[in-house]
């Protein structure tokens, strides 16, 4: 299992790579509780990043915020959680 790799990606803010690894793991086992929990951890981290970017005057309308928000929406589709 790639749990260590996913955790490493999340901790080093490589969110897209973490998402891709989660997708691969869920293809093999769509109900894996560990992977589903990691997707929720990833979602929380990306949401936190969105809030941080949105609350900063310099980044509130930045491309980084829009890209991060788009990733957040995609990640939430994995476990059907509302945005806020």
PDB file of N, CA and C in Angstrom:
ATOM      1  N   UNK A   1       0.841  -1.189   0.000  1.00  0.00           N
ATOM      2  CA  UNK A   1       0.000   0.000   0.000  1.00  0.00           C
ATOM      3  C   UNK A   1       0.883   1.249   0.000  1.00  0.00           C
ATOM      4  N   UNK A   2       0.376   2.298  -0.562  1.00  0.00           N
ATOM      5  CA  UNK A   2       1.123   3.546  -0.695  1.00  0.00           C
ATOM      6  C   UNK A   2       0.829   4.546   0.410  1.00  0.00           C
ATOM      7  N   UNK A   3       0.396   4.094   1.557  1.00  0.00           N
ATOM      8  CA  UNK A   3      -0.002   5.053   2.599  1.00  0.00           C
ATOM      9  C   UNK A   3       1.147   5.955   3.010  1.00  0.00           C
ATOM     10  N   UNK A   4       2.342   5.400   3.153  1.00  0.00           N
ATOM     11  CA  UNK A   4       3.483   6.229   3.548  1.00  0.00           C
ATOM     12  C   UNK A   4       3.782   7.291   2.500  1.00  0.00           C
ATOM     13  N   UNK A   5       3.666   6.898   1.246  1.00  0.00           N
ATOM     14  CA  UNK A   5       3.906   7.838   0.152  1.00  0.00           C
ATOM     15  C   UNK A   5       2.863   8.954   0.152  1.00  0.00           C
ATOM     16  N   UNK A   6       1.614   8.586   0.382  1.00  0.00           N
ATOM     17  CA  UNK A   6       0.535   9.574   0.415  1.00  0.00           C
ATOM     18  C   UNK A   6       0.753  10.539   1.572  1.00  0.00           C
ATOM     19  N   UNK A   7       1.057   9.999   2.733  1.00  0.00           N
ATOM     20  CA  UNK A   7       1.308  10.839   3.914  1.00  0.00           C
ATOM     21  C   UNK A   7       2.471  11.786   3.664  1.00  0.00           C
ATOM     22  N   UNK A   8       3.522  11.268   3.057  1.00  0.00           N
ATOM     23  CA  UNK A   8       4.686  12.096   2.746  1.00  0.00           C
ATOM     24  C   UNK A   8       4.304  13.239   1.802  1.00  0.00           C
ATOM     25  N   UNK A   9       3.506  12.938   0.797  1.00  0.00           N
ATOM     26  CA  UNK A   9       3.072  13.970  -0.147  1.00  0.00           C
ATOM     27  C   UNK A   9       2.214  15.019   0.546  1.00  0.00           C
ATOM     28  N   UNK A  10       1.307  14.586   1.397  1.00  0.00           N
ATOM     29  CA  UNK A  10       0.458  15.533   2.117  1.00  0.00           C
ATOM     30  C   UNK A  10       1.314  16.428   3.006  1.00  0.00           C
ATOM     31  N   UNK A  11       2.225  15.823   3.752  1.00  0.00           N
ATOM     32  CA  UNK A  11       3.060  16.595   4.677  1.00  0.00           C
ATOM     33  C   UNK A  11       3.997  17.563   3.968  1.00  0.00           C
ATOM     34  N   UNK A  12       4.386  17.244   2.744  1.00  0.00           N
ATOM     35  CA  UNK A  12       5.279  18.134   2.001  1.00  0.00           C
ATOM     36  C   UNK A  12       4.518  19.026   1.013  1.00  0.00           C
ATOM     37  N   UNK A  13       3.200  19.089   1.196  1.00  0.00           N
ATOM     38  CA  UNK A  13       2.324  19.953   0.398  1.00  0.00           C
ATOM     39  C   UNK A  13       2.347  19.641  -1.101  1.00  0.00           C
ATOM     40  N   UNK A  14       2.581  18.389  -1.428  1.00  0.00           N
ATOM     41  CA  UNK A  14       2.467  17.934  -2.830  1.00  0.00           C
ATOM     42  C   UNK A  14       1.076  17.323  -2.983  1.00  0.00           C
ATOM     43  N   UNK A  15       0.089  18.209  -2.962  1.00  0.00           N
ATOM     44  CA  UNK A  15      -1.294  17.787  -2.872  1.00  0.00           C
ATOM     45  C   UNK A  15      -1.787  17.072  -4.123  1.00  0.00           C
ATOM     46  N   UNK A  16      -1.381  17.511  -5.278  1.00  0.00           N
ATOM     47  CA  UNK A  16      -1.820  16.858  -6.513  1.00  0.00           C
ATOM     48  C   UNK A  16      -1.272  15.435  -6.576  1.00  0.00           C
ATOM     49  N   UNK A  17      -0.028  15.265  -6.223  1.00  0.00           N
ATOM     50  CA  UNK A  17       0.566  13.927  -6.221  1.00  0.00           C
ATOM     51  C   UNK A  17      -0.143  13.032  -5.192  1.00  0.00           C
ATOM     52  N   UNK A  18      -0.454  13.569  -4.032  1.00  0.00           N
ATOM     53  CA  UNK A  18      -1.182  12.805  -3.011  1.00  0.00           C
ATOM     54  C   UNK A  18      -2.544  12.379  -3.546  1.00  0.00           C
ATOM     55  N   UNK A  19      -3.224  13.289  -4.206  1.00  0.00           N
ATOM     56  CA  UNK A  19      -4.529  12.986  -4.794  1.00  0.00           C
ATOM     57  C   UNK A  19      -4.413  11.863  -5.825  1.00  0.00           C
ATOM     58  N   UNK A  20      -3.427  11.948  -6.681  1.00  0.00           N
ATOM     59  CA  UNK A  20      -3.235  10.917  -7.706  1.00  0.00           C
ATOM     60  C   UNK A  20      -2.970   9.549  -7.079  1.00  0.00           C
ATOM     61  N   UNK A  21      -2.160   9.518  -6.025  1.00  0.00           N
ATOM     62  CA  UNK A  21      -1.891   8.258  -5.334  1.00  0.00           C
ATOM     63  C   UNK A  21      -3.142   7.706  -4.654  1.00  0.00           C
ATOM     64  N   UNK A  22      -3.950   8.589  -4.116  1.00  0.00           N
ATOM     65  CA  UNK A  22      -5.209   8.167  -3.500  1.00  0.00           C
ATOM     66  C   UNK A  22      -6.131   7.567  -4.560  1.00  0.00           C
ATOM     67  N   UNK A  23      -6.203   8.191  -5.718  1.00  0.00           N
ATOM     68  CA  UNK A  23      -7.031   7.653  -6.798  1.00  0.00           C
ATOM     69  C   UNK A  23      -6.593   6.249  -7.195  1.00  0.00           C
ATOM     70  N   UNK A  24      -5.299   6.062  -7.326  1.00  0.00           N
ATOM     71  CA  UNK A  24      -4.765   4.745  -7.691  1.00  0.00           C
ATOM     72  C   UNK A  24      -5.138   3.718  -6.628  1.00  0.00           C
ATOM     73  N   UNK A  25      -4.968   4.085  -5.369  1.00  0.00           N
ATOM     74  CA  UNK A  25      -5.283   3.163  -4.271  1.00  0.00           C
ATOM     75  C   UNK A  25      -6.778   2.843  -4.238  1.00  0.00           C
ATOM     76  N   UNK A  26      -7.622   3.833  -4.516  1.00  0.00           N
ATOM     77  CA  UNK A  26      -9.061   3.589  -4.499  1.00  0.00           C
ATOM     78  C   UNK A  26      -9.530   2.761  -5.688  1.00  0.00           C
ATOM     79  N   UNK A  27      -8.788   2.806  -6.783  1.00  0.00           N
ATOM     80  CA  UNK A  27      -9.117   1.937  -7.914  1.00  0.00           C
ATOM     81  C   UNK A  27      -8.940   0.474  -7.519  1.00  0.00           C
ATOM     82  N   UNK A  28      -7.906   0.204  -6.745  1.00  0.00           N
ATOM     83  CA  UNK A  28      -7.650  -1.159  -6.290  1.00  0.00           C
ATOM     84  C   UNK A  28      -8.648  -1.599  -5.223  1.00  0.00           C
ATOM     85  N   UNK A  29      -9.029  -0.678  -4.337  1.00  0.00           N
ATOM     86  CA  UNK A  29      -9.965  -0.995  -3.261  1.00  0.00           C
ATOM     87  C   UNK A  29     -10.770   0.262  -2.913  1.00  0.00           C
ATOM     88  N   UNK A  30     -11.939   0.442  -3.534  1.00  0.00           N
ATOM     89  CA  UNK A  30     -12.715   1.671  -3.360  1.00  0.00           C
ATOM     90  C   UNK A  30     -13.248   1.912  -1.949  1.00  0.00           C
ATOM     91  N   UNK A  31     -13.207   0.913  -1.096  1.00  0.00           N
ATOM     92  CA  UNK A  31     -13.744   1.093   0.257  1.00  0.00           C
ATOM     93  C   UNK A  31     -12.662   1.027   1.326  1.00  0.00           C
ATOM     94  N   UNK A  32     -11.415   1.140   0.921  1.00  0.00           N
ATOM     95  CA  UNK A  32     -10.308   1.064   1.883  1.00  0.00           C
ATOM     96  C   UNK A  32     -10.428   2.209   2.894  1.00  0.00           C
ATOM     97  N   UNK A  33     -10.691   1.895   4.161  1.00  0.00           N
ATOM     98  CA  UNK A  33     -10.913   2.958   5.146  1.00  0.00           C
ATOM     99  C   UNK A  33      -9.682   3.822   5.395  1.00  0.00           C
ATOM    100  N   UNK A  34      -8.504   3.255   5.292  1.00  0.00           N
ATOM    101  CA  UNK A  34      -7.274   4.035   5.505  1.00  0.00           C
ATOM    102  C   UNK A  34      -7.117   5.070   4.399  1.00  0.00           C
ATOM    103  N   UNK A  35      -7.327   4.653   3.182  1.00  0.00           N
ATOM    104  CA  UNK A  35      -7.194   5.573   2.044  1.00  0.00           C
ATOM    105  C   UNK A  35      -8.299   6.626   2.084  1.00  0.00           C
ATOM    106  N   UNK A  36      -9.504   6.227   2.427  1.00  0.00           N
ATOM    107  CA  UNK A  36     -10.590   7.206   2.540  1.00  0.00           C
ATOM    108  C   UNK A  36     -10.296   8.225   3.639  1.00  0.00           C
ATOM    109  N   UNK A  37      -9.727   7.773   4.742  1.00  0.00           N
ATOM    110  CA  UNK A  37      -9.329   8.703   5.808  1.00  0.00           C
ATOM    111  C   UNK A  37      -8.243   9.653   5.320  1.00  0.00           C
ATOM    112  N   UNK A  38      -7.287   9.130   4.556  1.00  0.00           N
ATOM    113  CA  UNK A  38      -6.233   9.990   4.014  1.00  0.00           C
ATOM    114  C   UNK A  38      -6.800  11.020   3.041  1.00  0.00           C
ATOM    115  N   UNK A  39      -7.836  10.642   2.315  1.00  0.00           N
ATOM    116  CA  UNK A  39      -8.454  11.618   1.406  1.00  0.00           C
ATOM    117  C   UNK A  39      -9.094  12.747   2.208  1.00  0.00           C
ATOM    118  N   UNK A  40      -9.624  12.428   3.372  1.00  0.00           N
ATOM    119  CA  UNK A  40     -10.206  13.458   4.232  1.00  0.00           C
ATOM    120  C   UNK A  40      -9.124  14.352   4.841  1.00  0.00           C
ATOM    121  N   UNK A  41      -7.990  13.757   5.184  1.00  0.00           N
ATOM    122  CA  UNK A  41      -6.858  14.543   5.688  1.00  0.00           C
ATOM    123  C   UNK A  41      -6.376  15.483   4.589  1.00  0.00           C
ATOM    124  N   UNK A  42      -6.246  14.957   3.382  1.00  0.00           N
ATOM    125  CA  UNK A  42      -5.826  15.779   2.249  1.00  0.00           C
ATOM    126  C   UNK A  42      -6.825  16.910   2.019  1.00  0.00           C
ATOM    127  N   UNK A  43      -8.095  16.603   2.074  1.00  0.00           N
ATOM    128  CA  UNK A  43      -9.130  17.616   1.897  1.00  0.00           C
ATOM    129  C   UNK A  43      -9.000  18.725   2.936  1.00  0.00           C
ATOM    130  N   UNK A  44      -8.780  18.351   4.181  1.00  0.00           N
ATOM    131  CA  UNK A  44      -8.643  19.344   5.254  1.00  0.00           C
ATOM    132  C   UNK A  44      -7.421  20.228   5.035  1.00  0.00           C
ATOM    133  N   UNK A  45      -6.325  19.638   4.609  1.00  0.00           N
ATOM    134  CA  UNK A  45      -5.110  20.426   4.367  1.00  0.00           C
ATOM    135  C   UNK A  45      -5.305  21.397   3.216  1.00  0.00           C
ATOM    136  N   UNK A  46      -5.933  20.912   2.143  1.00  0.00           N
ATOM    137  CA  UNK A  46      -6.146  21.782   0.978  1.00  0.00           C
ATOM    138  C   UNK A  46      -7.153  22.878   1.323  1.00  0.00           C
ATOM    139  N   UNK A  47      -8.188  22.545   2.088  1.00  0.00           N
ATOM    140  CA  UNK A  47      -9.149  23.560   2.530  1.00  0.00           C
ATOM    141  C   UNK A  47      -8.454  24.633   3.359  1.00  0.00           C
ATOM    142  N   UNK A  48      -7.587  24.203   4.259  1.00  0.00           N
ATOM    143  CA  UNK A  48      -6.840  25.151   5.085  1.00  0.00           C
ATOM    144  C   UNK A  48      -5.988  26.067   4.214  1.00  0.00           C
ATOM    145  N   UNK A  49      -5.375  25.498   3.196  1.00  0.00           N
ATOM    146  CA  UNK A  49      -4.558  26.293   2.269  1.00  0.00           C
ATOM    147  C   UNK A  49      -5.436  27.312   1.542  1.00  0.00           C
ATOM    148  N   UNK A  50      -6.631  26.894   1.127  1.00  0.00           N
ATOM    149  CA  UNK A  50      -7.565  27.811   0.460  1.00  0.00           C
ATOM    150  C   UNK A  50      -7.929  28.972   1.366  1.00  0.00           C
ATOM    151  N   UNK A  51      -8.248  28.670   2.607  1.00  0.00           N
ATOM    152  CA  UNK A  51      -8.619  29.713   3.554  1.00  0.00           C
ATOM    153  C   UNK A  51      -7.455  30.680   3.765  1.00  0.00           C
ATOM    154  N   UNK A  52      -6.248  30.132   3.888  1.00  0.00           N
ATOM    155  CA  UNK A  52      -5.073  30.976   4.056  1.00  0.00           C
ATOM    156  C   UNK A  52      -4.849  31.893   2.871  1.00  0.00           C
ATOM    157  N   UNK A  53      -5.008  31.363   1.677  1.00  0.00           N
ATOM    158  CA  UNK A  53      -4.829  32.179   0.475  1.00  0.00           C
ATOM    159  C   UNK A  53      -5.934  33.223   0.348  1.00  0.00           C
ATOM    160  N   UNK A  54      -7.164  32.835   0.648  1.00  0.00           N
ATOM    161  CA  UNK A  54      -8.297  33.749   0.507  1.00  0.00           C
ATOM    162  C   UNK A  54      -8.264  34.872   1.538  1.00  0.00           C
ATOM    163  N   UNK A  55      -7.676  34.617   2.678  1.00  0.00           N
ATOM    164  CA  UNK A  55      -7.667  35.636   3.732  1.00  0.00           C
ATOM    165  C   UNK A  55      -6.486  36.598   3.620  1.00  0.00           C
ATOM    166  N   UNK A  56      -5.622  36.360   2.671  1.00  0.00           N
ATOM    167  CA  UNK A  56      -4.451  37.217   2.465  1.00  0.00           C
ATOM    168  C   UNK A  56      -4.740  38.150   1.289  1.00  0.00           C
ATOM    169  N   UNK A  57      -4.644  39.443   1.521  1.00  0.00           N
ATOM    170  CA  UNK A  57      -4.929  40.436   0.465  1.00  0.00           C
ATOM    171  C   UNK A  57      -4.102  40.204  -0.796  1.00  0.00           C
ATOM    172  N   UNK A  58      -2.879  39.734  -0.632  1.00  0.00           N
ATOM    173  CA  UNK A  58      -1.994  39.550  -1.788  1.00  0.00           C
ATOM    174  C   UNK A  58      -2.364  38.325  -2.622  1.00  0.00           C
ATOM    175  N   UNK A  59      -3.046  37.354  -2.020  1.00  0.00           N
ATOM    176  CA  UNK A  59      -3.349  36.116  -2.744  1.00  0.00           C
ATOM    177  C   UNK A  59      -4.834  35.825  -2.868  1.00  0.00           C
ATOM    178  N   UNK A  60      -5.693  36.749  -2.389  1.00  0.00           N
ATOM    179  CA  UNK A  60      -7.121  36.454  -2.358  1.00  0.00           C
ATOM    180  C   UNK A  60      -7.751  36.260  -3.739  1.00  0.00           C
ATOM    181  N   UNK A  61      -7.185  36.773  -4.772  1.00  0.00           N
ATOM    182  CA  UNK A  61      -7.700  36.587  -6.127  1.00  0.00           C
ATOM    183  C   UNK A  61      -6.627  35.993  -7.042  1.00  0.00           C
ATOM    184  N   UNK A  62      -5.726  35.237  -6.468  1.00  0.00           N
ATOM    185  CA  UNK A  62      -4.591  34.722  -7.239  1.00  0.00           C
ATOM    186  C   UNK A  62      -4.940  33.433  -7.982  1.00  0.00           C
ATOM    187  N   UNK A  63      -4.143  33.154  -8.988  1.00  0.00           N
ATOM    188  CA  UNK A  63      -4.273  31.906  -9.726  1.00  0.00           C
ATOM    189  C   UNK A  63      -4.060  30.718  -8.793  1.00  0.00           C
ATOM    190  N   UNK A  64      -3.127  30.857  -7.858  1.00  0.00           N
ATOM    191  CA  UNK A  64      -2.869  29.770  -6.904  1.00  0.00           C
ATOM    192  C   UNK A  64      -4.130  29.442  -6.097  1.00  0.00           C
ATOM    193  N   UNK A  65      -4.857  30.461  -5.674  1.00  0.00           N
ATOM    194  CA  UNK A  65      -6.096  30.221  -4.923  1.00  0.00           C
ATOM    195  C   UNK A  65      -7.111  29.490  -5.790  1.00  0.00           C
ATOM    196  N   UNK A  66      -7.299  29.937  -7.021  1.00  0.00           N
ATOM    197  CA  UNK A  66      -8.279  29.300  -7.900  1.00  0.00           C
ATOM    198  C   UNK A  66      -7.907  27.852  -8.197  1.00  0.00           C
ATOM    199  N   UNK A  67      -6.627  27.592  -8.406  1.00  0.00           N
ATOM    200  CA  UNK A  67      -6.182  26.223  -8.660  1.00  0.00           C
ATOM    201  C   UNK A  67      -6.344  25.347  -7.414  1.00  0.00           C
ATOM    202  N   UNK A  68      -6.030  25.906  -6.256  1.00  0.00           N
ATOM    203  CA  UNK A  68      -6.149  25.163  -5.006  1.00  0.00           C
ATOM    204  C   UNK A  68      -7.614  24.876  -4.700  1.00  0.00           C
ATOM    205  N   UNK A  69      -8.483  25.840  -4.951  1.00  0.00           N
ATOM    206  CA  UNK A  69      -9.916  25.635  -4.749  1.00  0.00           C
ATOM    207  C   UNK A  69     -10.462  24.571  -5.686  1.00  0.00           C
ATOM    208  N   UNK A  70      -9.997  24.565  -6.919  1.00  0.00           N
ATOM    209  CA  UNK A  70     -10.438  23.546  -7.876  1.00  0.00           C
ATOM    210  C   UNK A  70     -10.014  22.155  -7.409  1.00  0.00           C
ATOM    211  N   UNK A  71      -8.788  22.041  -6.921  1.00  0.00           N
ATOM    212  CA  UNK A  71      -8.318  20.763  -6.395  1.00  0.00           C
ATOM    213  C   UNK A  71      -9.160  20.350  -5.198  1.00  0.00           C
ATOM    214  N   UNK A  72      -9.491  21.296  -4.333  1.00  0.00           N
ATOM    215  CA  UNK A  72     -10.312  21.015  -3.154  1.00  0.00           C
ATOM    216  C   UNK A  72     -11.666  20.430  -3.560  1.00  0.00           C
ATOM    217  N   UNK A  73     -12.293  21.013  -4.573  1.00  0.00           N
ATOM    218  CA  UNK A  73     -13.583  20.499  -5.048  1.00  0.00           C
ATOM    219  C   UNK A  73     -13.446  19.076  -5.579  1.00  0.00           C
ATOM    220  N   UNK A  74     -12.387  18.818  -6.311  1.00  0.00           N
ATOM    221  CA  UNK A  74     -12.159  17.480  -6.877  1.00  0.00           C
ATOM    222  C   UNK A  74     -11.941  16.459  -5.766  1.00  0.00           C
ATOM    223  N   UNK A  75     -11.128  16.807  -4.791  1.00  0.00           N
ATOM    224  CA  UNK A  75     -10.849  15.891  -3.678  1.00  0.00           C
ATOM    225  C   UNK A  75     -12.131  15.566  -2.925  1.00  0.00           C
ATOM    226  N   UNK A  76     -12.971  16.565  -2.708  1.00  0.00           N
ATOM    227  CA  UNK A  76     -14.207  16.330  -1.970  1.00  0.00           C
ATOM    228  C   UNK A  76     -15.160  15.394  -2.694  1.00  0.00           C
ATOM    229  N   UNK A  77     -15.028  15.286  -3.997  1.00  0.00           N
ATOM    230  CA  UNK A  77     -15.854  14.336  -4.737  1.00  0.00           C
ATOM    231  C   UNK A  77     -15.534  12.891  -4.355  1.00  0.00           C
ATOM    232  N   UNK A  78     -14.363  12.650  -3.810  1.00  0.00           N
ATOM    233  CA  UNK A  78     -13.997  11.297  -3.396  1.00  0.00           C
ATOM    234  C   UNK A  78     -14.857  10.792  -2.248  1.00  0.00           C
ATOM    235  N   UNK A  79     -15.285  11.697  -1.381  1.00  0.00           N
ATOM    236  CA  UNK A  79     -16.030  11.255  -0.203  1.00  0.00           C
ATOM    237  C   UNK A  79     -17.266  12.096   0.060  1.00  0.00           C
ATOM    238  N   UNK A  80     -17.716  12.813  -0.954  1.00  0.00           N
ATOM    239  CA  UNK A  80     -18.992  13.536  -0.908  1.00  0.00           C
ATOM    240  C   UNK A  80     -19.158  14.427   0.313  1.00  0.00           C
ATOM    241  N   UNK A  81     -18.188  15.285   0.552  1.00  0.00           N
ATOM    242  CA  UNK A  81     -18.268  16.234   1.655  1.00  0.00           C
ATOM    243  C   UNK A  81     -18.594  17.604   1.087  1.00  0.00           C
ATOM    244  N   UNK A  82     -19.429  18.354   1.784  1.00  0.00           N
ATOM    245  CA  UNK A  82     -19.743  19.697   1.324  1.00  0.00           C
ATOM    246  C   UNK A  82     -18.512  20.588   1.437  1.00  0.00           C
ATOM    247  N   UNK A  83     -18.500  21.670   0.705  1.00  0.00           N
ATOM    248  CA  UNK A  83     -17.312  22.512   0.638  1.00  0.00           C
ATOM    249  C   UNK A  83     -16.963  23.192   1.933  1.00  0.00           C
ATOM    250  N   UNK A  84     -17.930  23.732   2.667  1.00  0.00           N
ATOM    251  CA  UNK A  84     -17.579  24.496   3.860  1.00  0.00           C
ATOM    252  C   UNK A  84     -18.411  24.091   5.030  1.00  0.00           C
TER     253      UNK A  84
END
